[in-house]
Protein backbone atom coordinates (compact mmCIF):
# COMPACT_ATOMS: atom_id res chain seq x y z
CA MET A 1 11.23 -120.76 69.71
CA SER A 2 9.13 -118.31 67.64
CA ARG A 3 7.52 -115.49 69.39
CA ILE A 4 4.13 -114.46 68.50
CA LEU A 5 2.30 -111.13 69.69
CA ILE A 6 -1.41 -111.41 69.83
CA VAL A 7 -3.45 -108.11 69.65
CA ASP A 8 -7.41 -108.23 70.29
CA ASP A 9 -9.81 -106.54 72.67
CA ASP A 10 -11.65 -109.80 73.17
CA ASP A 11 -10.28 -111.19 76.13
CA SER A 12 -11.60 -114.79 75.80
CA PHE A 13 -10.76 -114.88 71.96
CA ARG A 14 -7.33 -113.48 72.68
CA THR A 15 -6.64 -116.06 75.45
CA MET A 16 -8.16 -119.02 73.12
CA LEU A 17 -5.31 -117.88 70.55
CA ARG A 18 -2.43 -117.70 73.05
CA LEU A 19 -3.27 -121.20 74.32
CA THR A 20 -3.79 -122.70 71.03
CA LEU A 21 -0.36 -121.46 69.95
CA LEU A 22 1.48 -122.56 73.13
CA LYS A 23 0.02 -126.09 72.39
CA ARG A 24 1.63 -125.99 69.03
CA GLY A 25 5.18 -124.93 70.12
CA TYR A 26 5.15 -121.17 69.82
CA ASP A 27 5.75 -118.73 72.57
CA ALA A 28 2.87 -116.15 72.43
CA GLU A 29 1.94 -113.10 74.37
CA GLU A 30 -1.27 -111.17 74.45
CA THR A 31 -2.15 -107.53 74.36
CA THR A 32 -5.32 -105.72 74.08
CA ASN A 33 -4.51 -102.82 71.56
CA GLY A 34 -1.92 -101.60 69.12
CA ARG A 35 -0.29 -99.17 71.58
CA GLU A 36 0.58 -101.81 74.04
CA ALA A 37 1.66 -104.29 71.07
CA LEU A 38 4.22 -101.52 70.21
CA ALA A 39 5.67 -100.93 73.72
CA LEU A 40 5.97 -104.95 74.03
CA GLN A 41 7.80 -105.10 70.71
CA GLU A 42 10.34 -102.74 71.75
CA THR A 43 11.09 -104.63 74.95
CA ASN A 44 10.49 -108.17 73.98
CA PRO A 45 10.46 -108.47 70.07
CA ALA A 46 8.15 -110.93 68.52
CA GLU A 47 8.65 -112.43 64.99
CA LEU A 48 4.84 -112.44 63.98
CA LEU A 49 2.07 -109.72 65.04
CA LEU A 50 -1.36 -111.41 64.96
CA THR A 51 -3.74 -108.41 65.20
CA ASP A 52 -7.47 -107.82 65.17
CA LEU A 53 -8.49 -104.64 63.26
CA ILE A 54 -11.32 -103.06 65.25
CA MET A 55 -9.88 -102.29 68.71
CA PRO A 56 -10.00 -99.30 71.13
CA ASP A 57 -6.88 -96.87 71.68
CA GLN A 58 -5.31 -97.80 68.42
CA GLU A 59 -6.90 -100.08 65.82
CA GLY A 60 -5.19 -102.76 63.68
CA LEU A 61 -4.96 -100.73 60.65
CA GLU A 62 -2.84 -98.06 62.36
CA THR A 63 -1.01 -100.84 64.29
CA ILE A 64 0.21 -102.68 61.17
CA GLN A 65 1.23 -99.33 59.72
CA GLU A 66 3.61 -98.54 62.62
CA PHE A 67 5.06 -102.23 62.54
CA ARG A 68 5.64 -101.90 58.86
CA ARG A 69 7.45 -98.49 59.49
CA HIS A 70 9.38 -99.49 62.78
CA TYR A 71 9.96 -103.18 62.53
CA PRO A 72 9.64 -104.49 58.86
CA ALA A 73 10.67 -107.77 59.26
CA VAL A 74 7.92 -108.85 61.60
CA LYS A 75 5.42 -110.91 59.75
CA ILE A 76 1.93 -109.85 60.33
CA ILE A 77 -1.52 -111.47 60.21
CA ALA A 78 -4.72 -109.31 60.33
CA MET A 79 -8.09 -110.72 61.47
CA SER A 80 -11.50 -109.13 61.67
CA GLY A 81 -14.94 -109.80 62.53
CA GLY A 82 -15.91 -106.50 60.67
CA GLY A 83 -17.19 -103.28 62.10
CA ARG A 84 -18.43 -100.16 60.39
CA ILE A 85 -17.63 -101.76 57.03
CA ASN A 86 -17.47 -105.28 56.24
CA ALA A 87 -14.69 -107.50 57.53
CA ARG A 88 -13.56 -108.28 54.03
CA ASP A 89 -12.95 -104.61 53.17
CA TYR A 90 -10.89 -104.02 56.53
CA LEU A 91 -9.01 -107.12 55.38
CA VAL A 92 -8.13 -105.73 52.05
CA ILE A 93 -6.84 -102.79 53.43
CA ALA A 94 -4.63 -104.50 55.91
CA LYS A 95 -3.16 -106.50 53.05
CA MET A 96 -2.41 -103.19 51.13
CA LEU A 97 -0.62 -101.80 54.44
CA GLY A 98 1.19 -105.01 54.64
CA ALA A 99 -0.40 -107.96 56.19
CA ALA A 100 1.16 -111.06 54.92
CA ARG A 101 -2.02 -113.12 55.59
CA THR A 102 -5.74 -112.07 56.41
CA PHE A 103 -8.60 -113.85 58.08
CA ALA A 104 -12.32 -113.19 58.48
CA LYS A 105 -13.73 -114.11 62.01
CA PRO A 106 -14.70 -116.61 62.62
CA PHE A 107 -11.90 -119.00 61.21
CA SER A 108 -10.41 -122.46 62.29
CA ASN A 109 -7.62 -122.54 64.37
CA ASP A 110 -6.02 -125.12 62.15
CA GLU A 111 -5.93 -122.58 59.21
CA LEU A 112 -4.39 -119.93 61.19
CA VAL A 113 -1.72 -122.08 62.63
CA ALA A 114 -0.68 -123.33 59.09
CA ALA A 115 -0.56 -119.67 58.05
CA ILE A 116 1.75 -119.26 60.92
CA ASP A 117 3.86 -122.27 60.01
CA GLU A 118 4.02 -120.91 56.55
CA LEU A 119 5.41 -117.45 57.57
CA LEU A 120 7.62 -118.54 60.18
CA VAL A 121 10.61 -121.01 59.70
CA LYS A 122 10.22 -123.99 62.09
CA SER A 123 13.17 -124.70 64.28
CA PRO A 124 14.23 -128.03 65.48
CA ALA A 125 13.28 -127.01 69.14
CA ARG A 126 9.68 -126.13 67.88
CA THR A 127 9.38 -129.40 65.85
CA ALA A 128 10.35 -131.37 68.88
CA ALA A 129 7.89 -129.47 70.96
CA GLN A 130 4.93 -130.45 68.62
CA GLN A 131 5.66 -134.27 69.12
């Protein structure tokens, strides 16, 4: 089963993403910032990082850089609703730093899951869990 690490400071949004991914057969874990994500990756590695870009403590752009430096095989999807600049500007920077896919909030769960499915190889156990 593919493991996904969700990083977002919005509790309800993060929980909704985790529940969506669990229903689709993924193992998903939540955290509120990039520092926590790096610590979790060290102890319980994920294959994919799904990160917001604007967060307290350690923002998503810095988190992407750290994951690229220490965990280059991890696939990354960045998401943003914007901040001081337009969300698309943040997402362009995230792509340049190594995010494989980017999403401006709001986005559909189906679009996100399709992107995750493309980035992660489906295992027989995952396919069976979806049925």
